[in-house]
C-alpha atoms as a PDB file:
ATOM      1  CA  MET A   1      30.852-118.970 -58.647  1.00  0.00           C
ATOM      2  CA  THR A   2      33.068-116.698 -60.996  1.00  0.00           C
ATOM      3  CA  LEU A   3      31.950-115.171 -64.316  1.00  0.00           C
ATOM      4  CA  THR A   4      35.238-116.269 -65.483  1.00  0.00           C
ATOM      5  CA  ALA A   5      34.146-120.225 -64.913  1.00  0.00           C
ATOM      6  CA  LEU A   6      31.293-119.777 -66.588  1.00  0.00           C
ATOM      7  CA  ALA A   7      32.457-117.630 -69.457  1.00  0.00           C
ATOM      8  CA  SER A   8      33.766-120.338 -71.317  1.00  0.00           C
ATOM      9  CA  PRO A   9      31.233-122.413 -72.747  1.00  0.00           C
ATOM     10  CA  LEU A  10      33.450-125.880 -72.337  1.00  0.00           C
ATOM     11  CA  ALA A  11      34.188-125.056 -68.985  1.00  0.00           C
ATOM     12  CA  ALA A  12      30.341-124.879 -68.288  1.00  0.00           C
ATOM     13  CA  GLU A  13      29.833-127.736 -69.933  1.00  0.00           C
ATOM     14  CA  GLU A  14      32.680-129.736 -68.037  1.00  0.00           C
ATOM     15  CA  ARG A  15      31.393-128.367 -64.535  1.00  0.00           C
ATOM     16  CA  PRO A  16      27.989-130.581 -62.995  1.00  0.00           C
ATOM     17  CA  ALA A  17      25.307-128.446 -63.871  1.00  0.00           C
ATOM     18  CA  LYS A  18      23.908-128.035 -60.057  1.00  0.00           C
ATOM     19  CA  GLU A  19      26.652-125.479 -59.920  1.00  0.00           C
ATOM     20  CA  LEU A  20      25.653-123.686 -62.751  1.00  0.00           C
ATOM     21  CA  PHE A  21      22.361-123.245 -62.166  1.00  0.00           C
ATOM     22  CA  GLY A  22      22.813-123.020 -58.603  1.00  0.00           C
ATOM     23  CA  ALA A  23      24.902-119.774 -59.074  1.00  0.00           C
ATOM     24  CA  LYS A  24      22.030-118.005 -60.999  1.00  0.00           C
ATOM     25  CA  ARG A  25      20.282-115.657 -58.772  1.00  0.00           C
ATOM     26  CA  LEU A  26      17.779-114.210 -61.099  1.00  0.00           C
ATOM     27  CA  PRO A  27      15.413-115.887 -63.830  1.00  0.00           C
ATOM     28  CA  ALA A  28      16.371-116.320 -67.625  1.00  0.00           C
ATOM     29  CA  LYS A  29      13.805-113.131 -69.180  1.00  0.00           C
ATOM     30  CA  MET A  30      12.178-115.367 -71.379  1.00  0.00           C
ATOM     31  CA  ALA A  31       9.143-116.629 -71.946  1.00  0.00           C
ATOM     32  CA  THR A  32       7.379-118.851 -69.074  1.00  0.00           C
ATOM     33  CA  ALA A  33       7.994-122.697 -70.198  1.00  0.00           C
ATOM     34  CA  PRO A  34       9.551-125.947 -68.351  1.00  0.00           C
ATOM     35  CA  TYR A  35      11.985-128.098 -70.597  1.00  0.00           C
ATOM     36  CA  GLY A  36      12.562-131.633 -69.614  1.00  0.00           C
ATOM     37  CA  SER A  37      11.281-133.519 -66.854  1.00  0.00           C
ATOM     38  CA  TYR A  38      10.492-132.864 -62.772  1.00  0.00           C
ATOM     39  CA  ALA A  39      13.939-134.297 -62.215  1.00  0.00           C
ATOM     40  CA  LYS A  40      16.222-133.389 -65.450  1.00  0.00           C
ATOM     41  CA  GLY A  41      15.530-130.185 -66.202  1.00  0.00           C
ATOM     42  CA  CYS A  42      15.107-126.474 -65.987  1.00  0.00           C
ATOM     43  CA  ILE A  43      12.621-123.329 -66.536  1.00  0.00           C
ATOM     44  CA  ALA A  44      12.739-119.806 -68.344  1.00  0.00           C
ATOM     45  CA  GLY A  45      10.478-117.449 -67.067  1.00  0.00           C
ATOM     46  CA  ALA A  46       9.806-118.284 -63.411  1.00  0.00           C
ATOM     47  CA  VAL A  47       8.626-116.287 -61.325  1.00  0.00           C
ATOM     48  CA  ALA A  48       9.251-115.878 -57.272  1.00  0.00           C
ATOM     49  CA  ILE A  49       6.870-116.205 -54.836  1.00  0.00           C
ATOM     50  CA  PRO A  50       6.721-112.941 -52.320  1.00  0.00           C
ATOM     51  CA  THR A  51       8.573-113.968 -49.345  1.00  0.00           C
ATOM     52  CA  ASP A  52       5.242-113.122 -47.035  1.00  0.00           C
ATOM     53  CA  GLY A  53       1.463-113.156 -47.925  1.00  0.00           C
ATOM     54  CA  PRO A  54      -1.963-112.950 -46.251  1.00  0.00           C
ATOM     55  CA  GLY A  55      -1.491-116.867 -45.583  1.00  0.00           C
ATOM     56  CA  TRP A  56       2.034-117.783 -45.882  1.00  0.00           C
ATOM     57  CA  GLN A  57       5.633-117.211 -45.120  1.00  0.00           C
ATOM     58  CA  ALA A  58       8.493-118.459 -47.065  1.00  0.00           C
ATOM     59  CA  MET A  59      11.417-120.432 -45.028  1.00  0.00           C
ATOM     60  CA  ARG A  60      15.168-120.927 -45.954  1.00  0.00           C
ATOM     61  CA  LEU A  61      15.103-117.567 -47.747  1.00  0.00           C
ATOM     62  CA  SER A  62      19.458-118.071 -48.243  1.00  0.00           C
ATOM     63  CA  ARG A  63      18.706-121.282 -50.556  1.00  0.00           C
ATOM     64  CA  ASN A  64      16.776-118.846 -53.155  1.00  0.00           C
ATOM     65  CA  ARG A  65      14.236-121.568 -54.009  1.00  0.00           C
ATOM     66  CA  ARG A  66      11.095-119.628 -54.037  1.00  0.00           C
ATOM     67  CA  TRP A  67      10.689-119.911 -57.512  1.00  0.00           C
ATOM     68  CA  GLY A  68       8.245-121.363 -60.062  1.00  0.00           C
ATOM     69  CA  HIS A  69       6.106-121.841 -62.664  1.00  0.00           C
ATOM     70  CA  PRO A  70       3.198-119.061 -62.538  1.00  0.00           C
ATOM     71  CA  ASN A  71       0.942-121.741 -62.466  1.00  0.00           C
ATOM     72  CA  MET A  72       2.647-123.291 -59.310  1.00  0.00           C
ATOM     73  CA  ILE A  73       2.679-120.026 -57.541  1.00  0.00           C
ATOM     74  CA  ALA A  74      -0.596-119.019 -58.268  1.00  0.00           C
ATOM     75  CA  LEU A  75      -2.015-122.685 -57.148  1.00  0.00           C
ATOM     76  CA  LEU A  76       0.291-121.324 -53.562  1.00  0.00           C
ATOM     77  CA  GLU A  77      -1.547-118.289 -53.472  1.00  0.00           C
ATOM     78  CA  GLN A  78      -4.498-120.180 -53.474  1.00  0.00           C
ATOM     79  CA  PHE A  79      -3.866-123.139 -51.415  1.00  0.00           C
ATOM     80  CA  SER A  80      -2.676-120.516 -48.856  1.00  0.00           C
ATOM     81  CA  GLN A  81      -6.360-118.943 -48.667  1.00  0.00           C
ATOM     82  CA  ASP A  82      -7.866-122.772 -48.911  1.00  0.00           C
ATOM     83  CA  ALA A  83      -5.627-123.973 -45.984  1.00  0.00           C
ATOM     84  CA  ARG A  84      -6.848-121.174 -43.356  1.00  0.00           C
ATOM     85  CA  GLN A  85     -11.039-122.141 -44.245  1.00  0.00           C
ATOM     86  CA  ILE A  86     -10.223-125.546 -43.252  1.00  0.00           C
ATOM     87  CA  GLY A  87      -8.457-124.337 -39.763  1.00  0.00           C
ATOM     88  CA  TRP A  88      -4.567-123.906 -40.713  1.00  0.00           C
ATOM     89  CA  PRO A  89      -3.107-120.932 -39.821  1.00  0.00           C
ATOM     90  CA  GLY A  90      -0.990-120.624 -42.879  1.00  0.00           C
ATOM     91  CA  LEU A  91       1.210-122.372 -45.172  1.00  0.00           C
ATOM     92  CA  LEU A  92       5.674-122.001 -44.245  1.00  0.00           C
ATOM     93  CA  LEU A  93       6.907-122.611 -47.799  1.00  0.00           C
ATOM     94  CA  GLY A  94       9.938-124.730 -48.120  1.00  0.00           C
ATOM     95  CA  ASP A  95      11.406-125.575 -51.639  1.00  0.00           C
ATOM     96  CA  ILE A  96       9.830-124.787 -54.985  1.00  0.00           C
ATOM     97  CA  SER A  97      12.705-124.077 -57.604  1.00  0.00           C
ATOM     98  CA  GLN A  98      16.183-122.420 -58.392  1.00  0.00           C
ATOM     99  CA  PRO A  99      15.430-119.424 -60.509  1.00  0.00           C
ATOM    100  CA  ARG A 100      16.186-121.527 -63.554  1.00  0.00           C
ATOM    101  CA  GLY A 101      15.438-124.425 -62.393  1.00  0.00           C
ATOM    102  CA  GLY A 102      17.802-127.197 -62.859  1.00  0.00           C
ATOM    103  CA  PRO A 103      19.561-129.831 -60.754  1.00  0.00           C
ATOM    104  CA  MET A 104      20.221-128.100 -57.043  1.00  0.00           C
ATOM    105  CA  LEU A 105      23.753-128.259 -55.031  1.00  0.00           C
ATOM    106  CA  SER A 106      21.967-130.081 -52.354  1.00  0.00           C
ATOM    107  CA  GLY A 107      18.680-131.505 -51.129  1.00  0.00           C
ATOM    108  CA  HIS A 108      16.805-132.648 -54.032  1.00  0.00           C
ATOM    109  CA  ALA A 109      16.610-135.046 -57.218  1.00  0.00           C
ATOM    110  CA  SER A 110      13.374-133.057 -58.639  1.00  0.00           C
ATOM    111  CA  HIS A 111      12.186-129.767 -58.060  1.00  0.00           C
ATOM    112  CA  GLN A 112      14.068-128.998 -61.495  1.00  0.00           C
ATOM    113  CA  VAL A 113      11.216-127.236 -63.873  1.00  0.00           C
ATOM    114  CA  GLY A 114       9.413-125.605 -61.167  1.00  0.00           C
ATOM    115  CA  LEU A 115       6.389-127.577 -61.012  1.00  0.00           C
ATOM    116  CA  ASP A 116       7.102-128.417 -57.427  1.00  0.00           C
ATOM    117  CA  ALA A 117       6.807-127.103 -54.078  1.00  0.00           C
ATOM    118  CA  ASP A 118       7.674-128.180 -50.422  1.00  0.00           C
ATOM    119  CA  ILE A 119       5.259-127.088 -47.532  1.00  0.00           C
ATOM    120  CA  TRP A 120       5.668-127.864 -44.103  1.00  0.00           C
ATOM    121  CA  PHE A 121       3.989-129.667 -41.672  1.00  0.00           C
ATOM    122  CA  THR A 122       4.678-126.716 -39.334  1.00  0.00           C
ATOM    123  CA  PRO A 123       1.429-124.509 -39.519  1.00  0.00           C
ATOM    124  CA  MET A 124       2.718-120.642 -39.591  1.00  0.00           C
ATOM    125  CA  PRO A 125       3.372-118.891 -36.373  1.00  0.00           C
ATOM    126  CA  ASP A 126       1.117-115.972 -35.404  1.00  0.00           C
ATOM    127  CA  HIS A 127       3.965-113.227 -36.425  1.00  0.00           C
ATOM    128  CA  ARG A 128       5.934-112.384 -39.255  1.00  0.00           C
ATOM    129  CA  LEU A 129       9.514-114.678 -38.827  1.00  0.00           C
ATOM    130  CA  SER A 130      12.944-113.090 -39.288  1.00  0.00           C
ATOM    131  CA  ALA A 131      15.235-113.748 -41.465  1.00  0.00           C
ATOM    132  CA  GLU A 132      17.520-115.423 -38.975  1.00  0.00           C
ATOM    133  CA  GLU A 133      14.338-117.340 -37.752  1.00  0.00           C
ATOM    134  CA  ARG A 134      13.170-118.577 -41.317  1.00  0.00           C
ATOM    135  CA  GLU A 135      17.139-119.770 -41.411  1.00  0.00           C
ATOM    136  CA  LYS A 136      16.786-121.572 -37.670  1.00  0.00           C
ATOM    137  CA  LEU A 137      13.152-122.981 -37.416  1.00  0.00           C
ATOM    138  CA  PRO A 138      13.354-126.724 -36.784  1.00  0.00           C
ATOM    139  CA  PHE A 139      11.336-129.160 -38.824  1.00  0.00           C
ATOM    140  CA  THR A 140       8.810-130.805 -36.934  1.00  0.00           C
ATOM    141  CA  SER A 141       8.652-134.647 -38.184  1.00  0.00           C
ATOM    142  CA  MET A 142       5.374-135.908 -37.338  1.00  0.00           C
ATOM    143  CA  LEU A 143       6.454-139.497 -36.787  1.00  0.00           C
ATOM    144  CA  ASP A 144       7.275-141.285 -33.312  1.00  0.00           C
ATOM    145  CA  GLU A 145      10.515-141.985 -32.975  1.00  0.00           C
ATOM    146  CA  SER A 146      10.528-144.462 -30.753  1.00  0.00           C
ATOM    147  CA  LYS A 147       8.266-146.866 -33.237  1.00  0.00           C
ATOM    148  CA  PHE A 148       9.127-148.204 -37.018  1.00  0.00           C
ATOM    149  CA  MET A 149       6.955-146.061 -39.347  1.00  0.00           C
ATOM    150  CA  THR A 150       4.568-144.911 -37.383  1.00  0.00           C
ATOM    151  CA  VAL A 151       2.799-141.210 -37.149  1.00  0.00           C
ATOM    152  CA  ASP A 152       3.085-139.724 -34.063  1.00  0.00           C
ATOM    153  CA  SER A 153      -0.840-139.183 -32.797  1.00  0.00           C
ATOM    154  CA  ARG A 154       1.196-136.208 -30.229  1.00  0.00           C
ATOM    155  CA  ARG A 155       1.338-134.173 -33.526  1.00  0.00           C
ATOM    156  CA  TRP A 156      -0.288-135.067 -36.031  1.00  0.00           C
ATOM    157  CA  THR A 157      -4.263-134.008 -36.431  1.00  0.00           C
ATOM    158  CA  SER A 158      -7.148-133.895 -38.136  1.00  0.00           C
ATOM    159  CA  THR A 159      -6.363-130.403 -39.356  1.00  0.00           C
ATOM    160  CA  HIS A 160      -2.916-131.935 -41.098  1.00  0.00           C
ATOM    161  CA  ALA A 161      -4.823-135.041 -42.598  1.00  0.00           C
ATOM    162  CA  ARG A 162      -7.388-131.965 -44.370  1.00  0.00           C
ATOM    163  CA  LEU A 163      -4.349-129.694 -45.124  1.00  0.00           C
ATOM    164  CA  VAL A 164      -2.736-132.855 -47.214  1.00  0.00           C
ATOM    165  CA  MET A 165      -6.189-133.795 -48.892  1.00  0.00           C
ATOM    166  CA  LYS A 166      -7.069-130.240 -49.850  1.00  0.00           C
ATOM    167  CA  ALA A 167      -3.296-130.083 -51.369  1.00  0.00           C
ATOM    168  CA  ALA A 168      -4.797-133.557 -53.621  1.00  0.00           C
ATOM    169  CA  SER A 169      -7.851-131.966 -54.464  1.00  0.00           C
ATOM    170  CA  TYR A 170      -6.995-129.357 -56.899  1.00  0.00           C
ATOM    171  CA  PRO A 171      -7.315-130.809 -60.569  1.00  0.00           C
ATOM    172  CA  GLN A 172      -3.567-129.322 -61.644  1.00  0.00           C
ATOM    173  CA  VAL A 173      -2.000-131.569 -59.194  1.00  0.00           C
ATOM    174  CA  ASP A 174      -0.536-134.558 -60.283  1.00  0.00           C
ATOM    175  CA  ARG A 175       0.563-136.155 -56.661  1.00  0.00           C
ATOM    176  CA  VAL A 176       1.200-135.189 -53.244  1.00  0.00           C
ATOM    177  CA  PHE A 177       4.245-136.853 -51.775  1.00  0.00           C
ATOM    178  CA  VAL A 178       4.096-137.955 -47.976  1.00  0.00           C
ATOM    179  CA  ASN A 179       5.905-140.576 -45.872  1.00  0.00           C
ATOM    180  CA  PRO A 180       4.502-143.960 -45.949  1.00  0.00           C
ATOM    181  CA  ALA A 181       3.654-143.798 -42.694  1.00  0.00           C
ATOM    182  CA  ILE A 182       1.590-140.432 -43.052  1.00  0.00           C
ATOM    183  CA  LYS A 183      -0.124-142.262 -46.307  1.00  0.00           C
ATOM    184  CA  LYS A 184      -1.059-145.428 -44.018  1.00  0.00           C
ATOM    185  CA  LYS A 185      -2.350-142.953 -41.415  1.00  0.00           C
ATOM    186  CA  LEU A 186      -4.632-141.308 -44.086  1.00  0.00           C
ATOM    187  CA  CYS A 187      -5.678-144.822 -45.290  1.00  0.00           C
ATOM    188  CA  GLU A 188      -6.824-146.032 -41.645  1.00  0.00           C
ATOM    189  CA  THR A 189      -8.459-142.621 -40.817  1.00  0.00           C
ATOM    190  CA  TRP A 190      -9.708-140.819 -44.089  1.00  0.00           C
ATOM    191  CA  GLN A 191     -13.760-140.458 -44.252  1.00  0.00           C
ATOM    192  CA  GLY A 192     -13.796-138.007 -47.430  1.00  0.00           C
ATOM    193  CA  ASP A 193     -13.363-138.759 -51.257  1.00  0.00           C
ATOM    194  CA  ARG A 194     -11.720-141.791 -51.384  1.00  0.00           C
ATOM    195  CA  ALA A 195     -10.463-141.406 -55.198  1.00  0.00           C
ATOM    196  CA  LEU A 196      -7.929-138.362 -53.795  1.00  0.00           C
ATOM    197  CA  LEU A 197      -5.861-140.702 -51.940  1.00  0.00           C
ATOM    198  CA  GLY A 198      -4.738-142.370 -55.302  1.00  0.00           C
ATOM    199  CA  LYS A 199      -2.803-138.562 -55.522  1.00  0.00           C
ATOM    200  CA  VAL A 200      -1.232-138.802 -52.201  1.00  0.00           C
ATOM    201  CA  ARG A 201       2.032-141.391 -52.998  1.00  0.00           C
ATOM    202  CA  PRO A 202       4.480-142.520 -50.302  1.00  0.00           C
ATOM    203  CA  ILE A 203       8.039-141.824 -50.473  1.00  0.00           C
ATOM    204  CA  TYR A 204      10.969-142.035 -48.458  1.00  0.00           C
ATOM    205  CA  GLY A 205      11.493-138.692 -45.946  1.00  0.00           C
ATOM    206  CA  HIS A 206       8.368-136.576 -46.185  1.00  0.00           C
ATOM    207  CA  ASP A 207       7.717-136.541 -42.380  1.00  0.00           C
ATOM    208  CA  ALA A 208       8.151-133.288 -41.837  1.00  0.00           C
ATOM    209  CA  HIS A 209       6.881-131.927 -44.999  1.00  0.00           C
ATOM    210  CA  PHE A 210       4.594-133.001 -48.124  1.00  0.00           C
ATOM    211  CA  HIS A 211       5.433-131.948 -51.727  1.00  0.00           C
ATOM    212  CA  ILE A 212       3.212-130.937 -54.046  1.00  0.00           C
ATOM    213  CA  ARG A 213       3.542-131.913 -57.847  1.00  0.00           C
ATOM    214  CA  ILE A 214       1.713-129.864 -60.667  1.00  0.00           C
ATOM    215  CA  LYS A 215       0.652-131.174 -64.278  1.00  0.00           C
ATOM    216  CA  CYS A 216       2.968-129.982 -66.874  1.00  0.00           C
ATOM    217  CA  PRO A 217       0.972-126.762 -68.149  1.00  0.00           C
ATOM    218  CA  GLU A 218      -0.905-126.915 -71.309  1.00  0.00           C
ATOM    219  CA  GLY A 219       0.981-125.501 -74.942  1.00  0.00           C
ATOM    220  CA  ALA A 220       4.436-126.804 -72.860  1.00  0.00           C
ATOM    221  CA  PRO A 221       5.454-129.096 -75.692  1.00  0.00           C
ATOM    222  CA  GLY A 222       8.861-129.216 -74.001  1.00  0.00           C
ATOM    223  CA  CYS A 223       7.551-130.359 -70.557  1.00  0.00           C
ATOM    224  CA  LYS A 224       8.035-134.164 -69.823  1.00  0.00           C
ATOM    225  CA  PRO A 225       5.047-135.321 -67.943  1.00  0.00           C
ATOM    226  CA  GLN A 226       5.178-138.189 -65.083  1.00  0.00           C
ATOM    227  CA  ALA A 227       3.173-141.823 -65.477  1.00  0.00           C
ATOM    228  CA  LYS A 228      -0.010-141.494 -64.739  1.00  0.00           C
ATOM    229  CA  VAL A 229      -1.484-141.991 -61.013  1.00  0.00           C
ATOM    230  CA  PRO A 230      -2.341-145.793 -60.889  1.00  0.00           C
ATOM    231  CA  PRO A 231      -5.770-146.581 -60.457  1.00  0.00           C
ATOM    232  CA  GLY A 232      -7.019-146.802 -56.806  1.00  0.00           C
ATOM    233  CA  ASP A 233      -6.932-145.158 -53.338  1.00  0.00           C
ATOM    234  CA  GLY A 234      -3.410-146.608 -53.131  1.00  0.00           C
ATOM    235  CA  CYS A 235      -3.974-148.193 -49.816  1.00  0.00           C
ATOM    236  CA  ASP A 236      -2.976-151.648 -51.071  1.00  0.00           C
ATOM    237  CA  ALA A 237       0.163-153.937 -51.500  1.00  0.00           C
ATOM    238  CA  SER A 238       2.323-150.940 -53.317  1.00  0.00           C
ATOM    239  CA  LEU A 239       2.094-149.293 -49.560  1.00  0.00           C
ATOM    240  CA  ALA A 240       2.430-152.292 -47.489  1.00  0.00           C
ATOM    241  CA  TRP A 241       5.888-152.802 -49.089  1.00  0.00           C
ATOM    242  CA  TRP A 242       7.027-149.904 -47.832  1.00  0.00           C
ATOM    243  CA  PHE A 243       6.800-151.407 -44.485  1.00  0.00           C
ATOM    244  CA  THR A 244       9.004-154.863 -45.231  1.00  0.00           C
ATOM    245  CA  LYS A 245      12.404-154.745 -45.044  1.00  0.00           C
ATOM    246  CA  GLU A 246      13.185-154.356 -48.392  1.00  0.00           C
ATOM    247  CA  PRO A 247      12.865-150.601 -48.778  1.00  0.00           C
ATOM    248  CA  TRP A 248      15.436-150.168 -46.220  1.00  0.00           C
ATOM    249  CA  ALA A 249      17.694-152.802 -46.921  1.00  0.00           C
ATOM    250  CA  LYS A 250      21.892-151.322 -47.186  1.00  0.00           C
ATOM    251  CA  ALA A 251      23.282-152.476 -50.618  1.00  0.00           C
ATOM    252  CA  LYS A 252      25.212-155.875 -49.569  1.00  0.00           C
ATOM    253  CA  PRO A 253      29.069-154.290 -50.264  1.00  0.00           C
ATOM    254  CA  ASN A 254      31.451-156.411 -53.181  1.00  0.00           C
ATOM    255  CA  PRO A 255      34.642-156.671 -51.850  1.00  0.00           C
ATOM    256  CA  GLY A 256      36.272-156.815 -55.417  1.00  0.00           C
ATOM    257  CA  ALA A 257      34.057-154.271 -57.038  1.00  0.00           C
ATOM    258  CA  LYS A 258      36.613-151.040 -58.295  1.00  0.00           C
ATOM    259  CA  PRO A 259      35.486-147.880 -57.052  1.00  0.00           C
ATOM    260  CA  VAL A 260      33.177-145.961 -58.957  1.00  0.00           C
ATOM    261  CA  LYS A 261      33.881-142.125 -58.956  1.00  0.00           C
ATOM    262  CA  PRO A 262      30.442-139.962 -58.935  1.00  0.00           C
ATOM    263  CA  ARG A 263      29.235-138.715 -62.119  1.00  0.00           C
ATOM    264  CA  TYR A 264      27.618-135.802 -62.088  1.00  0.00           C
ATOM    265  CA  VAL A 265      24.692-134.406 -64.482  1.00  0.00           C
ATOM    266  CA  THR A 266      26.540-132.067 -66.948  1.00  0.00           C
ATOM    267  CA  LEU A 267      24.704-129.596 -69.335  1.00  0.00           C
ATOM    268  CA  SER A 268      24.791-131.926 -71.992  1.00  0.00           C
ATOM    269  CA  ASP A 269      22.289-134.272 -69.795  1.00  0.00           C
ATOM    270  CA  LEU A 270      19.979-131.823 -69.425  1.00  0.00           C
ATOM    271  CA  PRO A 271      17.248-130.628 -72.398  1.00  0.00           C
ATOM    272  CA  LYS A 272      19.280-128.527 -75.136  1.00  0.00           C
ATOM    273  CA  ALA A 273      16.953-125.574 -74.260  1.00  0.00           C
ATOM    274  CA  CYS A 274      18.383-125.330 -70.700  1.00  0.00           C
ATOM    275  CA  SER A 275      21.278-124.343 -72.702  1.00  0.00           C
ATOM    276  CA  THR A 276      19.930-121.241 -73.962  1.00  0.00           C
ATOM    277  CA  VAL A 277      17.964-120.799 -70.617  1.00  0.00           C
ATOM    278  CA  LEU A 278      20.764-121.225 -68.644  1.00  0.00           C
ATOM    279  CA  ALA A 279      22.796-118.240 -70.702  1.00  0.00           C
ATOM    280  CA  GLY A 280      19.366-115.810 -70.816  1.00  0.00           C
ATOM    281  CA  ALA A 281      19.528-112.138 -69.566  1.00  0.00           C
ATOM    282  CA  SER A 282      18.304-111.705 -65.952  1.00  0.00           C
ATOM    283  CA  PRO A 283      15.612-109.163 -65.462  1.00  0.00           C
ATOM    284  CA  ALA A 284      16.925-106.285 -63.901  1.00  0.00           C
ATOM    285  CA  SER A 285      15.496-106.969 -60.419  1.00  0.00           C
ATOM    286  CA  GLU A 286      13.931-109.892 -58.306  1.00  0.00           C
ATOM    287  CA  GLN A 287      10.709-107.188 -58.086  1.00  0.00           C
ATOM    288  CA  GLU A 288      10.283-107.350 -61.558  1.00  0.00           C
ATOM    289  CA  VAL A 289       9.697-110.958 -61.703  1.00  0.00           C
ATOM    290  CA  THR A 290       7.678-111.431 -58.497  1.00  0.00           C
ATOM    291  CA  TYR A 291       4.191-113.074 -58.456  1.00  0.00           C
ATOM    292  CA  ARG A 292       1.467-110.543 -57.925  1.00  0.00           C
ATOM    293  CA  GLY A 293      -2.061-111.874 -58.168  1.00  0.00           C
ATOM    294  CA  GLY A 294      -1.990-113.316 -61.555  1.00  0.00           C
ATOM    295  CA  SER A 295       1.452-112.166 -63.128  1.00  0.00           C
ATOM    296  CA  ALA A 296       4.616-111.031 -62.558  1.00  0.00           C
ATOM    297  CA  ALA A 297       4.727-107.232 -61.757  1.00  0.00           C
ATOM    298  CA  THR A 298       7.100-104.581 -60.726  1.00  0.00           C
ATOM    299  CA  ALA A 299       5.876-104.591 -56.774  1.00  0.00           C
ATOM    300  CA  LEU A 300       5.781-107.005 -54.685  1.00  0.00           C
ATOM    301  CA  ALA A 301       2.038-108.109 -53.852  1.00  0.00           C
ATOM    302  CA  PHE A 302       2.162-108.502 -49.950  1.00  0.00           C
ATOM    303  CA  SER A 303       5.364-107.515 -48.659  1.00  0.00           C
ATOM    304  CA  GLY A 304       4.048-104.131 -47.625  1.00  0.00           C
ATOM    305  CA  SER A 305       6.320-101.473 -46.337  1.00  0.00           C
ATOM    306  CA  ASP A 306       8.346-103.579 -43.542  1.00  0.00           C
ATOM    307  CA  GLN A 307      11.453-105.562 -45.469  1.00  0.00           C
ATOM    308  CA  SER A 308      12.351-107.335 -42.616  1.00  0.00           C
ATOM    309  CA  ALA A 309      12.568-110.397 -44.244  1.00  0.00           C
ATOM    310  CA  GLY A 310      12.382-109.173 -47.995  1.00  0.00           C
ATOM    311  CA  GLY A 311      15.330-106.687 -47.761  1.00  0.00           C
ATOM    312  CA  ALA A 312      17.461-109.453 -46.067  1.00  0.00           C
ATOM    313  CA  VAL A 313      16.922-112.112 -48.757  1.00  0.00           C
ATOM    314  CA  GLU A 314      17.701-109.591 -51.133  1.00  0.00           C
ATOM    315  CA  ALA A 315      21.266-108.884 -49.256  1.00  0.00           C
ATOM    316  CA  ILE A 316      21.688-112.419 -48.958  1.00  0.00           C
ATOM    317  CA  ASN A 317      21.521-113.044 -53.097  1.00  0.00           C
ATOM    318  CA  ASN A 318      23.549-110.014 -53.648  1.00  0.00           C
ATOM    319  CA  ALA A 319      26.481-111.422 -51.071  1.00  0.00           C
ATOM    320  CA  ASP A 320      27.435-114.571 -52.629  1.00  0.00           C
ATOM    321  CA  ALA A 321      26.232-116.860 -54.929  1.00  0.00           C
ATOM    322  CA  THR A 322      27.416-119.829 -53.355  1.00  0.00           C
ATOM    323  CA  LEU A 323      24.465-121.962 -51.429  1.00  0.00           C
ATOM    324  CA  PRO A 324      24.991-122.897 -47.618  1.00  0.00           C
ATOM    325  CA  ALA A 325      25.337-126.651 -47.514  1.00  0.00           C
ATOM    326  CA  ILE A 326      22.372-126.646 -44.899  1.00  0.00           C
ATOM    327  CA  VAL A 327      20.182-129.134 -46.439  1.00  0.00           C
ATOM    328  CA  PRO A 328      20.894-132.890 -45.801  1.00  0.00           C
ATOM    329  CA  ILE A 329      21.313-135.104 -49.039  1.00  0.00           C
ATOM    330  CA  PRO A 330      18.661-137.736 -49.013  1.00  0.00           C
ATOM    331  CA  ILE A 331      19.120-140.940 -49.737  1.00  0.00           C
ATOM    332  CA  PRO A 332      18.609-142.464 -53.314  1.00  0.00           C
ATOM    333  CA  ARG A 333      14.556-142.627 -53.779  1.00  0.00           C
ATOM    334  CA  PRO A 334      12.310-143.423 -56.605  1.00  0.00           C
ATOM    335  CA  PHE A 335      10.818-140.714 -58.606  1.00  0.00           C
ATOM    336  CA  ASN A 336       7.397-142.501 -58.681  1.00  0.00           C
END
């Protein structure tokens, strides 16, 4: 991404919004505010979670997607501590959001307002991962590849179940997305508070990670909330639908139809405030806007003196604004 390409408002408007937001390496130095919806919006004043904490390690650092609303970052810090209390070694954090949110070059339809976060089903190792390990460590699916939509009992444990349900227990959490097979497994085996199961929603993919979505924060009128979760535990016909042919049926080709040129989301498709967010000044450094136990501060919270990972991500961020194509594009899926 070149600075000259971003200089012209007309050029910026014509380009896909994912290129404009994907090129920003730091957030807009503005009051924190999410604008728009989870799948069409942006965020001002995002903060970064440190690459390492007492109970977490951030993965795939080259994506530069460990940014979010302070409410989300604070929740992840709390969740990492609570996870250890239920026997989970620590969280491997996947994508949260880009520095200014917005559409991503690859991998997600949501995660645009800093209120979504992915957590790997792989437990955190007992050592600090190098930057290379964070890029190459493979995902571990919880599904049995030899059977249709079935959880692999050799991988899935009761601690996995407790981890997902602990995520759903926080009042600020609106939804926890998992693979339909995992939702079914929870419906069949969970012995705790069944009311919380309603927050756990089945969706395409999400077999190697789960996705936490928090509610729009108070005092954020520009944030568009999602519809309320339907009443009940969700272990009903809405779940059974995922085990029919309909969700997986391929669209029937129409030989007479003319090819449709893909239309990418542009800046004008997003809330008007996102233009201001995109054009906003950046802070002096990443450290200035890294979360530190309740606020963004001038030093990393838990990175310590060993900068093997922290230094690596800074070098990656300074090297090239083009994100690598390392995230598979998911098939179309409903946002609910």
